[in-house]
Structure formats: structure tokens, C-alpha cells
Amino acid sequence: MNVLGIIASGVAALLITVALARIARRAALRPHTPAASAGRVARAGLLRRTGGTAAVLGVTAAAGGALWLGAADDAPSSAAGLLAGSGTVAALGLVHDLKPLRAVLRLAVQTAAAVLVVCFAGLPPVAAVLTVLWTVLVTNAFALLDHADGLLTVVGVVTAAGLLACAAVDGGSALALLPAALVAGLGGFLLHTWHPARLRLGACGAQFTGFVLAASGALIQAAAPSGRAAWAALPALATVALADTALVVVSRRRAGRSPLRGGNDHVGHRLRRLRVTVPGTAVLLALWAGVPVAAGTLVHAGLLHPAFLLVPLAGTVAAVLALLRVPGCPPPRPAPPRTTASRTHVRRPGASAPAAPAPAVRPAEAPAKGASVGTARTASGRPTVPPPPTGSPSETAAVAADRS
């Protein structure tokens, strides 16, 4: 086993991931003025959501460089197939981050990537079919863990460390290359995705992580000597991811909902209902994943009988049954729209009262039909006599003639 090459790939993955994540974090958290456009705010949210590309680029660059330099001298085709398949799934996740895709299309691309891996590895037909099904299932199971800050990252680090130990037991450099780079890359990215997260793995980083863990685990167990019951350790390496998927499927089927529809009913959401903090949830699931991963590693190495795997399996089943009694977090309520008509003016102390609206001016009533306009009458109905004019004598004579 090329130990120096494995260590060099891990160090390179750590440095590249930290550098790229730092650049993405600065771009996403760049301060902006209150008058900034909505497009700039949306771009910052997109950068945070696609921050997992930093980890993907760091891991693939380090593993690809080590493979090119000859670090995987025993089975370079298997490592090349893993890189090709994981890169395809990462590209699919990046497109899904930018524009959501249908589940059927995502499953088709993941299946094609898994077929590519088994073709490069040269597995027999039965083992190839089982590896494809296992890879697609576990890839989506691990991707579902990306529902809380740092959750998938810590579980991925623990699982990749177990896979690295299994590959080291068998002495294969090719199959240990990607797990070693993934441990270092996720460890460097954990600085940015820990609560409160500045960056997220997104669909790109989550599907890449799940695919590497699922495909590497299947190939490592398939390459193990036939004298050991190494196949029994494979489900133990994905215990937490499979438990979360089973919890979601059972709870949604009980509620009459589709399992493919999102919701706040994952393990992390139910632990939040039990008043467990977000960092506490990540630590708790890391410990939960560490027990079956350690047991699976010992079984793979032949140091533990496969029957001992029933202990973490029974504990996982009991935990799932207990969490089924805990309701998920309710969805966030949308904020009511703010309108000018619904605003109420609060009178401050010392402020003048608002001016009362002016009364409406009623139009003048029209005179009754047959009444003369401008003629004043007495109470008995007779017209009043106007005062005598004070004009010239001719005008006075004219008025007297009118009276007669």
C-alpha cells in the first residue's frame, strides 16, 4: 500500500478545499448596502447553497492528481471509475442546485454513474447488479442527511474513516484513495458548514459524498478475501443514513403522504423537537454512526464475529421506533404581506391628533317646480314688497307704475 501517496492526497484535498471554501465564503458573505438589488442577494444565497462544489473540487483534484502520479498502483481502473462516476453525480447535483430536476431523471443519471463504476471495476454480473442497486439507494440516503448544519459532514467523515480503515486492512491503495481524500476534504469543509453554517453542501456536495461512500464501500467489500464475512460490514457502514431513510418513509406512509415529497420529519428535525441543539444533533449522530462503523470495520478485519453487528442494529431499530413517536417540526409560517391599507397609525405621546376629515359639502337643493327663483314670500304665501329705490325720478315712476 502506497501510504505516502494516500497521505499526500489527503493533505492536498484539505488545503484545496479550505482555500476554495474560503473564497466562496467571502463571495457569499460580502457586505452589501440596504439599497442593493434583489439579484445580488439571490446570488449570495446561490453561492451558499452551492458551496459544496469547493469540497467536490478539492477531493477530485487531490484524488485525480494522486491517481495520475501512480499512487493507485494495484487497481487504477477501479479508482478511475470511482472518479468518473462521482464526478457525474456531482455535476448532476450542481445542475439540480441551479434548477431543480425531476426525481426520475436524477435516478437515471445516478444509475448510469453506478454502472460506469462497476464496468471499470470488472465485477461479475450478479455482484454488479447488487452494487448498482446499493449505490443508488445509499447515495440518496446520505443525501437526505443534509437537512441540518454540519450533519452530513460529520457523518461522512466518520463513515469515510471507517472505509479507509477497511481498505488499509486489505492493503489496497486504489480503493483507499477517495476515502482518504474525502475525510480530509469534508474535515476542511466542516469549518464552514458547522452551525451557524456559512456554506452548505447542497445537492452537489451531498450526492457526491453519498456516491463516494456507497460505491467505495461496495467495491472494498467485494475486493475482500472470500474467507472473511466482509459483506456483513457493508450495511453497518451506512446505518445512520438508512435509519433516517426508513424513518422518513414509514412516517410519511403512515400520514398518507408520498415518500418523495419533502418535509420536516427527519432525524434532525425530531431531535430538535426534543430540545436538542443543532450542534448537539450533529455530535449525537456522529456518535451514533461511530458505533456501527467501528463494529463493521472490526468485522471486515476478521477481529469480530458478524453476530456482534446485531447489537448496533437492534439499537438502531429501537431508536427509529422511539423517534416515530416524536412529531416532526412544523413548517415555517409565511410572513403576512404588509400593505399600506392594513397599517395602523399609533399616536405618540405629545403628538398632535390627526386632522379630522372635512365634512362633505352637500349640493344646494333645487327649487320646487313652479316656484320663481329669487322671490321672497311671507308666512301667508304673499310676496314681500321690496324697498323703494333710491335712484332717479324716472326709475321711481317706473316702480310706482309696476305696483299699480
Protein backbone atom coordinates (compact mmCIF):
# COMPACT_ATOMS: atom_id res chain seq x y z
CA MET A 1 0.00 0.00 0.00
CA ASN A 2 1.34 3.40 -1.01
CA VAL A 3 0.98 5.13 2.36
CA LEU A 4 2.80 8.30 1.32
CA GLY A 5 0.60 8.73 -1.72
CA ILE A 6 -2.56 8.31 0.38
CA ILE A 7 -1.33 10.86 2.96
CA ALA A 8 -0.30 13.32 0.23
CA SER A 9 -3.72 13.09 -1.42
CA GLY A 10 -5.43 13.75 1.91
CA VAL A 11 -3.28 16.80 2.66
CA ALA A 12 -3.85 18.16 -0.84
CA ALA A 13 -7.62 17.67 -0.53
CA LEU A 14 -7.61 19.51 2.80
CA LEU A 15 -5.64 22.50 1.50
CA ILE A 16 -7.57 22.84 -1.76
CA THR A 17 -10.96 22.54 -0.04
CA VAL A 18 -10.09 25.10 2.65
CA ALA A 19 -8.83 27.59 0.05
CA LEU A 20 -11.82 27.23 -2.27
CA ALA A 21 -14.33 27.31 0.59
CA ARG A 22 -12.73 30.48 1.94
CA ILE A 23 -13.12 32.18 -1.45
CA ALA A 24 -16.75 31.03 -1.74
CA ARG A 25 -17.49 32.21 1.80
CA ARG A 26 -16.07 35.68 1.17
CA ALA A 27 -18.09 35.99 -2.02
CA ALA A 28 -21.30 34.82 -0.31
CA LEU A 29 -20.93 36.98 2.81
CA ARG A 30 -19.72 40.13 1.08
CA PRO A 31 -21.43 43.09 2.81
CA HIS A 32 -23.95 44.98 0.76
CA THR A 33 -25.86 48.20 1.26
CA PRO A 34 -29.57 48.20 2.10
CA ALA A 35 -30.22 49.60 -1.37
CA ALA A 36 -28.60 46.58 -3.04
CA SER A 37 -30.59 44.93 -5.76
CA ALA A 38 -32.53 41.74 -5.17
CA GLY A 39 -30.38 39.97 -7.76
CA ARG A 40 -27.28 40.44 -5.61
CA VAL A 41 -28.98 38.94 -2.56
CA ALA A 42 -30.17 35.98 -4.63
CA ARG A 43 -26.64 35.46 -5.92
CA ALA A 44 -25.31 35.34 -2.35
CA GLY A 45 -27.89 32.69 -1.45
CA LEU A 46 -26.93 30.69 -4.53
CA LEU A 47 -23.26 30.80 -3.55
CA ARG A 48 -24.07 29.50 -0.06
CA ARG A 49 -26.23 26.72 -1.47
CA THR A 50 -23.59 25.60 -3.98
CA GLY A 51 -20.68 25.85 -1.54
CA GLY A 52 -20.26 22.07 -1.66
CA THR A 53 -18.53 22.44 -5.02
CA ALA A 54 -15.44 23.53 -3.07
CA ALA A 55 -15.27 20.15 -1.32
CA VAL A 56 -16.01 18.31 -4.57
CA LEU A 57 -13.24 20.10 -6.45
CA GLY A 58 -10.77 19.63 -3.60
CA VAL A 59 -11.42 15.88 -3.26
CA THR A 60 -11.47 15.13 -7.00
CA ALA A 61 -8.38 17.25 -7.72
CA ALA A 62 -6.36 15.58 -4.96
CA ALA A 63 -7.50 12.05 -5.81
CA GLY A 64 -7.09 12.61 -9.54
CA GLY A 65 -3.59 14.02 -9.08
CA ALA A 66 -2.57 11.08 -6.89
CA LEU A 67 -4.00 8.64 -9.43
CA TRP A 68 -2.11 10.36 -12.26
CA LEU A 69 1.13 10.23 -10.25
CA GLY A 70 0.74 6.47 -9.74
CA ALA A 71 -0.43 6.31 -6.14
CA ALA A 72 -3.04 3.65 -7.03
CA ASP A 73 -0.70 1.00 -8.39
CA ASP A 74 -2.84 -2.05 -7.61
CA ALA A 75 -6.19 -1.24 -9.32
CA PRO A 76 -6.10 2.10 -11.13
CA SER A 77 -9.17 1.26 -13.21
CA SER A 78 -11.36 0.98 -10.09
CA ALA A 79 -10.16 4.37 -8.83
CA ALA A 80 -10.70 5.91 -12.27
CA GLY A 81 -14.24 4.52 -12.39
CA LEU A 82 -14.97 5.94 -8.94
CA LEU A 83 -13.71 9.36 -10.01
CA ALA A 84 -15.75 9.30 -13.22
CA GLY A 85 -18.95 8.17 -11.56
CA SER A 86 -18.69 10.55 -8.62
CA GLY A 87 -17.90 13.45 -10.95
CA THR A 88 -21.01 12.67 -13.00
CA VAL A 89 -23.20 12.64 -9.90
CA ALA A 90 -21.62 15.89 -8.66
CA ALA A 91 -22.38 17.59 -11.98
CA LEU A 92 -25.97 16.35 -11.71
CA GLY A 93 -26.24 17.81 -8.21
CA LEU A 94 -24.87 21.17 -9.35
CA VAL A 95 -27.49 21.37 -12.10
CA HIS A 96 -30.14 20.45 -9.53
CA ASP A 97 -28.94 23.28 -7.27
CA LEU A 98 -29.30 25.77 -10.10
CA LYS A 99 -32.57 24.38 -11.47
CA PRO A 100 -34.45 21.56 -9.67
CA LEU A 101 -34.71 18.35 -11.68
CA ARG A 102 -37.24 15.55 -11.52
CA ALA A 103 -36.54 12.53 -9.35
CA VAL A 104 -36.78 10.16 -12.33
CA LEU A 105 -34.01 11.99 -14.18
CA ARG A 106 -31.78 12.06 -11.11
CA LEU A 107 -32.24 8.34 -10.51
CA ALA A 108 -31.44 7.60 -14.15
CA VAL A 109 -28.18 9.57 -14.05
CA GLN A 110 -27.17 8.01 -10.72
CA THR A 111 -27.83 4.54 -12.11
CA ALA A 112 -25.72 5.29 -15.19
CA ALA A 113 -22.87 6.53 -12.96
CA ALA A 114 -23.07 3.37 -10.84
CA VAL A 115 -23.00 1.20 -13.98
CA LEU A 116 -19.89 3.10 -15.07
CA VAL A 117 -18.20 2.26 -11.75
CA VAL A 118 -18.93 -1.47 -11.93
CA CYS A 119 -17.81 -1.62 -15.56
CA PHE A 120 -14.43 -0.09 -14.67
CA ALA A 121 -14.13 -2.42 -11.67
CA GLY A 122 -14.95 -5.53 -13.75
CA LEU A 123 -17.40 -7.09 -11.28
CA PRO A 124 -19.35 -10.26 -12.19
CA PRO A 125 -22.98 -9.78 -13.30
CA VAL A 126 -24.69 -10.62 -10.00
CA ALA A 127 -22.30 -8.55 -7.93
CA ALA A 128 -22.57 -5.72 -10.47
CA VAL A 129 -26.38 -5.57 -10.22
CA LEU A 130 -26.30 -5.62 -6.43
CA THR A 131 -23.61 -2.93 -6.39
CA VAL A 132 -25.65 -0.66 -8.67
CA LEU A 133 -28.78 -1.03 -6.52
CA TRP A 134 -26.83 -0.50 -3.31
CA THR A 135 -25.03 2.57 -4.69
CA VAL A 136 -28.20 4.31 -5.86
CA LEU A 137 -30.03 3.58 -2.59
CA VAL A 138 -27.24 4.68 -0.25
CA THR A 139 -26.38 7.76 -2.35
CA ASN A 140 -29.88 9.16 -1.85
CA ALA A 141 -29.94 8.03 1.79
CA PHE A 142 -26.79 10.02 2.59
CA ALA A 143 -28.04 12.99 0.58
CA LEU A 144 -31.15 13.15 2.80
CA LEU A 145 -28.92 13.80 5.82
CA ASP A 146 -28.14 17.28 4.53
CA HIS A 147 -31.06 18.81 6.45
CA ALA A 148 -29.12 20.38 9.35
CA ASP A 149 -25.87 22.31 9.72
CA GLY A 150 -22.86 20.01 9.74
CA LEU A 151 -24.91 16.80 9.95
CA LEU A 152 -23.93 15.12 6.69
CA THR A 153 -20.37 16.42 7.01
CA VAL A 154 -19.64 14.77 10.37
CA VAL A 155 -21.41 11.52 9.43
CA GLY A 156 -19.49 11.48 6.15
CA VAL A 157 -16.16 11.97 7.94
CA VAL A 158 -16.89 9.08 10.34
CA THR A 159 -18.04 6.74 7.53
CA ALA A 160 -15.14 7.62 5.22
CA ALA A 161 -12.69 6.99 8.06
CA GLY A 162 -14.19 3.52 8.53
CA LEU A 163 -13.88 2.81 4.80
CA LEU A 164 -10.27 3.99 4.86
CA ALA A 165 -9.55 1.59 7.70
CA CYS A 166 -11.19 -1.29 5.80
CA ALA A 167 -9.13 -0.53 2.68
CA ALA A 168 -5.97 -0.30 4.77
CA VAL A 169 -6.67 -3.76 6.23
CA ASP A 170 -6.80 -5.22 2.72
CA GLY A 171 -3.77 -3.23 1.59
CA GLY A 172 -5.41 -1.67 -1.49
CA SER A 173 -4.19 1.80 -2.40
CA ALA A 174 -6.70 2.41 -5.20
CA LEU A 175 -9.81 1.93 -3.08
CA ALA A 176 -8.32 3.90 -0.18
CA LEU A 177 -7.56 6.92 -2.35
CA LEU A 178 -11.01 8.51 -2.49
CA PRO A 179 -11.99 7.76 1.16
CA ALA A 180 -8.75 9.37 2.38
CA ALA A 181 -9.30 12.47 0.25
CA LEU A 182 -12.96 12.60 1.33
CA VAL A 183 -12.06 12.50 5.03
CA ALA A 184 -9.67 15.42 4.60
CA GLY A 185 -11.96 17.40 2.29
CA LEU A 186 -15.03 17.11 4.50
CA GLY A 187 -12.91 17.89 7.55
CA GLY A 188 -11.78 21.15 5.95
CA PHE A 189 -15.30 21.99 4.81
CA LEU A 190 -16.68 21.36 8.31
CA LEU A 191 -15.24 24.73 9.40
CA HIS A 192 -17.75 26.47 7.11
CA THR A 193 -20.79 24.20 7.42
CA TRP A 194 -20.81 23.98 11.24
CA HIS A 195 -23.67 25.80 12.94
CA PRO A 196 -24.30 28.58 12.10
CA ALA A 197 -23.40 27.42 8.60
CA ARG A 198 -21.91 29.94 6.19
CA LEU A 199 -21.86 27.44 3.33
CA ARG A 200 -23.89 24.34 2.54
CA LEU A 201 -23.00 21.12 0.76
CA GLY A 202 -26.09 21.41 -1.40
CA ALA A 203 -27.18 18.70 -3.81
CA CYS A 204 -23.76 18.76 -5.49
CA GLY A 205 -21.74 18.02 -2.36
CA ALA A 206 -24.36 15.77 -0.74
CA GLN A 207 -24.80 13.46 -3.73
CA PHE A 208 -21.05 13.38 -4.34
CA THR A 209 -20.42 12.39 -0.71
CA GLY A 210 -23.12 9.73 -0.73
CA PHE A 211 -21.95 8.27 -4.04
CA VAL A 212 -18.30 8.04 -2.97
CA LEU A 213 -19.24 6.38 0.33
CA ALA A 214 -21.69 3.94 -1.26
CA ALA A 215 -19.58 2.92 -4.25
CA SER A 216 -16.31 2.76 -2.29
CA GLY A 217 -17.91 0.60 0.39
CA ALA A 218 -19.32 -1.83 -2.17
CA LEU A 219 -16.02 -2.15 -4.04
CA ILE A 220 -13.99 -2.55 -0.82
CA GLN A 221 -16.28 -5.33 0.44
CA ALA A 222 -16.27 -7.01 -2.98
CA ALA A 223 -12.45 -6.97 -3.12
CA ALA A 224 -12.08 -8.50 0.35
CA PRO A 225 -10.79 -12.08 0.64
CA SER A 226 -13.51 -14.70 0.38
CA GLY A 227 -12.55 -16.30 3.69
CA ARG A 228 -13.92 -13.36 5.69
CA ALA A 229 -17.56 -12.36 6.10
CA ALA A 230 -16.78 -8.84 4.94
CA TRP A 231 -20.17 -8.43 3.26
CA ALA A 232 -21.83 -8.22 6.68
CA ALA A 233 -19.97 -4.99 7.43
CA LEU A 234 -21.42 -3.17 4.40
CA PRO A 235 -24.87 -2.29 5.91
CA ALA A 236 -23.22 -1.27 9.17
CA LEU A 237 -21.23 1.46 7.41
CA ALA A 238 -24.45 3.20 6.33
CA THR A 239 -26.56 2.62 9.44
CA VAL A 240 -27.46 6.24 10.21
CA ALA A 241 -28.32 7.11 6.61
CA LEU A 242 -30.51 4.02 6.19
CA ALA A 243 -32.18 4.64 9.56
CA ASP A 244 -33.08 8.20 8.58
CA THR A 245 -34.50 7.00 5.25
CA ALA A 246 -36.55 4.27 6.94
CA LEU A 247 -37.86 6.78 9.50
CA VAL A 248 -38.96 9.19 6.77
CA VAL A 249 -40.59 6.52 4.58
CA VAL A 250 -42.54 4.90 7.42
CA SER A 251 -43.75 8.19 8.92
CA ARG A 252 -44.88 9.57 5.57
CA ARG A 253 -46.66 6.39 4.60
CA ARG A 254 -48.49 6.45 7.93
CA ALA A 255 -49.56 10.01 7.26
CA GLY A 256 -50.69 9.11 3.72
CA ARG A 257 -48.05 11.27 2.03
CA SER A 258 -45.65 10.45 -0.76
CA PRO A 259 -42.16 9.44 0.45
CA LEU A 260 -40.64 11.51 -2.36
CA ARG A 261 -42.19 14.71 -1.05
CA GLY A 262 -40.03 16.81 1.26
CA GLY A 263 -40.87 17.53 4.88
CA ASN A 264 -39.52 18.35 8.33
CA ASP A 265 -39.67 14.78 9.64
CA HIS A 266 -36.04 13.63 9.50
CA VAL A 267 -33.94 12.52 12.45
CA GLY A 268 -32.51 16.01 12.96
CA HIS A 269 -35.95 17.61 12.96
CA ARG A 270 -37.30 15.19 15.56
CA LEU A 271 -34.27 15.69 17.79
CA ARG A 272 -34.88 19.44 17.59
CA ARG A 273 -38.38 18.72 18.91
CA LEU A 274 -36.70 17.10 21.91
CA ARG A 275 -34.83 20.38 22.59
CA VAL A 276 -31.50 19.09 21.21
CA THR A 277 -29.47 21.92 19.72
CA VAL A 278 -28.22 21.89 16.13
CA PRO A 279 -24.56 21.25 17.12
CA GLY A 280 -25.76 18.65 19.62
CA THR A 281 -27.68 16.89 16.86
CA ALA A 282 -24.56 16.69 14.70
CA VAL A 283 -22.46 15.33 17.58
CA LEU A 284 -25.15 12.83 18.57
CA LEU A 285 -25.45 11.44 15.04
CA ALA A 286 -21.67 11.28 14.70
CA LEU A 287 -21.55 9.11 17.83
CA TRP A 288 -24.47 7.06 16.54
CA ALA A 289 -22.63 6.47 13.25
CA GLY A 290 -19.33 5.72 15.00
CA VAL A 291 -20.60 2.63 16.84
CA PRO A 292 -21.75 0.58 13.81
CA VAL A 293 -18.85 1.86 11.68
CA ALA A 294 -16.33 0.66 14.28
CA ALA A 295 -18.13 -2.67 14.59
CA GLY A 296 -18.25 -3.07 10.81
CA THR A 297 -14.55 -2.30 10.50
CA LEU A 298 -13.68 -4.93 13.08
CA VAL A 299 -15.90 -7.48 11.33
CA HIS A 300 -14.27 -6.66 8.00
CA ALA A 301 -10.83 -7.17 9.52
CA GLY A 302 -11.91 -10.54 10.97
CA LEU A 303 -11.42 -9.38 14.55
CA LEU A 304 -15.11 -9.60 15.46
CA HIS A 305 -17.77 -12.15 14.68
CA PRO A 306 -20.56 -10.88 12.37
CA ALA A 307 -23.14 -11.73 15.05
CA PHE A 308 -21.94 -8.75 17.08
CA LEU A 309 -23.37 -6.47 14.38
CA LEU A 310 -26.82 -7.33 15.68
CA VAL A 311 -26.15 -5.16 18.73
CA PRO A 312 -25.91 -1.80 16.87
CA LEU A 313 -28.66 -2.99 14.54
CA ALA A 314 -31.02 -3.59 17.46
CA GLY A 315 -30.13 -0.21 18.95
CA THR A 316 -30.84 1.49 15.62
CA VAL A 317 -34.24 -0.20 15.29
CA ALA A 318 -35.13 0.86 18.84
CA ALA A 319 -34.06 4.43 18.11
CA VAL A 320 -36.18 4.56 14.94
CA LEU A 321 -39.24 3.22 16.78
CA ALA A 322 -38.75 5.79 19.53
CA LEU A 323 -38.33 8.66 17.04
CA LEU A 324 -41.52 7.65 15.25
CA ARG A 325 -43.40 8.81 18.36
CA VAL A 326 -41.84 12.26 18.13
CA PRO A 327 -43.59 14.56 15.65
CA GLY A 328 -41.52 16.43 13.14
CA CYS A 329 -41.00 20.17 13.21
CA PRO A 330 -43.91 22.16 11.77
CA PRO A 331 -43.19 24.02 8.54
CA PRO A 332 -42.29 27.70 8.97
CA ARG A 333 -45.26 30.01 8.73
CA PRO A 334 -45.10 32.52 5.90
CA ALA A 335 -44.97 36.14 6.99
CA PRO A 336 -48.23 38.06 6.34
CA PRO A 337 -47.99 40.53 3.46
CA ARG A 338 -47.50 44.13 4.51
CA THR A 339 -49.95 46.52 2.86
CA THR A 340 -50.47 50.21 3.35
CA ALA A 341 -54.17 49.72 3.99
CA SER A 342 -53.54 47.42 6.96
CA ARG A 343 -51.15 49.75 8.74
CA THR A 344 -52.47 51.46 11.88
CA HIS A 345 -51.16 54.80 12.99
CA VAL A 346 -50.10 54.79 16.63
CA ARG A 347 -50.33 58.18 18.32
CA ARG A 348 -47.14 59.03 20.14
CA PRO A 349 -47.22 60.92 23.45
CA GLY A 350 -47.18 64.67 22.85
CA ALA A 351 -48.05 64.37 19.19
CA SER A 352 -50.96 66.31 17.77
CA ALA A 353 -54.06 64.39 16.87
CA PRO A 354 -54.60 63.77 13.20
CA ALA A 355 -56.84 66.28 11.47
CA ALA A 356 -60.44 65.23 11.15
CA PRO A 357 -61.68 64.85 7.63
CA ALA A 358 -63.58 67.81 6.28
CA PRO A 359 -67.36 67.30 6.12
CA ALA A 360 -68.75 66.70 2.75
CA VAL A 361 -70.40 69.73 1.17
CA ARG A 362 -73.97 68.97 0.26
CA PRO A 363 -75.07 70.43 -3.03
CA ALA A 364 -77.69 73.11 -2.99
CA GLU A 365 -81.22 71.85 -3.27
CA ALA A 366 -83.03 72.66 -6.45
CA PRO A 367 -86.09 74.92 -6.19
CA ALA A 368 -89.50 73.37 -6.30
CA LYS A 369 -91.29 73.15 -9.63
CA GLY A 370 -93.28 76.32 -10.43
CA ALA A 371 -91.51 78.46 -7.84
CA SER A 372 -89.89 81.68 -9.01
CA VAL A 373 -86.22 81.99 -8.41
CA GLY A 374 -85.16 84.90 -6.20
CA THR A 375 -88.75 85.80 -4.97
CA ALA A 376 -89.14 86.09 -1.19
CA ARG A 377 -92.60 85.36 0.35
CA THR A 378 -94.26 85.94 3.69
CA ALA A 379 -95.63 83.28 6.06
CA SER A 380 -99.10 83.55 4.36
CA GLY A 381 -97.54 82.92 0.97
CA ARG A 382 -97.72 86.53 -0.41
CA PRO A 383 -94.64 88.08 -1.98
CA THR A 384 -92.86 90.68 0.09
CA VAL A 385 -92.65 94.29 -1.13
CA PRO A 386 -89.12 95.38 -1.95
CA PRO A 387 -87.89 98.69 -0.51
CA PRO A 388 -88.33 101.79 -2.69
CA PRO A 389 -85.43 102.55 -4.98
CA THR A 390 -83.21 105.47 -4.28
CA GLY A 391 -82.36 106.15 -7.86
CA SER A 392 -83.54 108.87 -10.30
CA PRO A 393 -87.20 110.15 -10.58
CA SER A 394 -87.76 108.24 -13.77
CA GLU A 395 -86.83 104.98 -12.03
CA THR A 396 -89.21 105.85 -9.12
CA ALA A 397 -92.08 106.42 -11.56
CA ALA A 398 -91.38 103.13 -13.25
CA VAL A 399 -91.54 101.26 -9.91
CA ALA A 400 -94.86 103.02 -8.97
CA ALA A 401 -96.34 102.02 -12.33
CA ASP A 402 -95.35 98.41 -11.67
CA ARG A 403 -97.07 98.44 -8.25
CA SER A 404 -100.32 99.76 -9.77
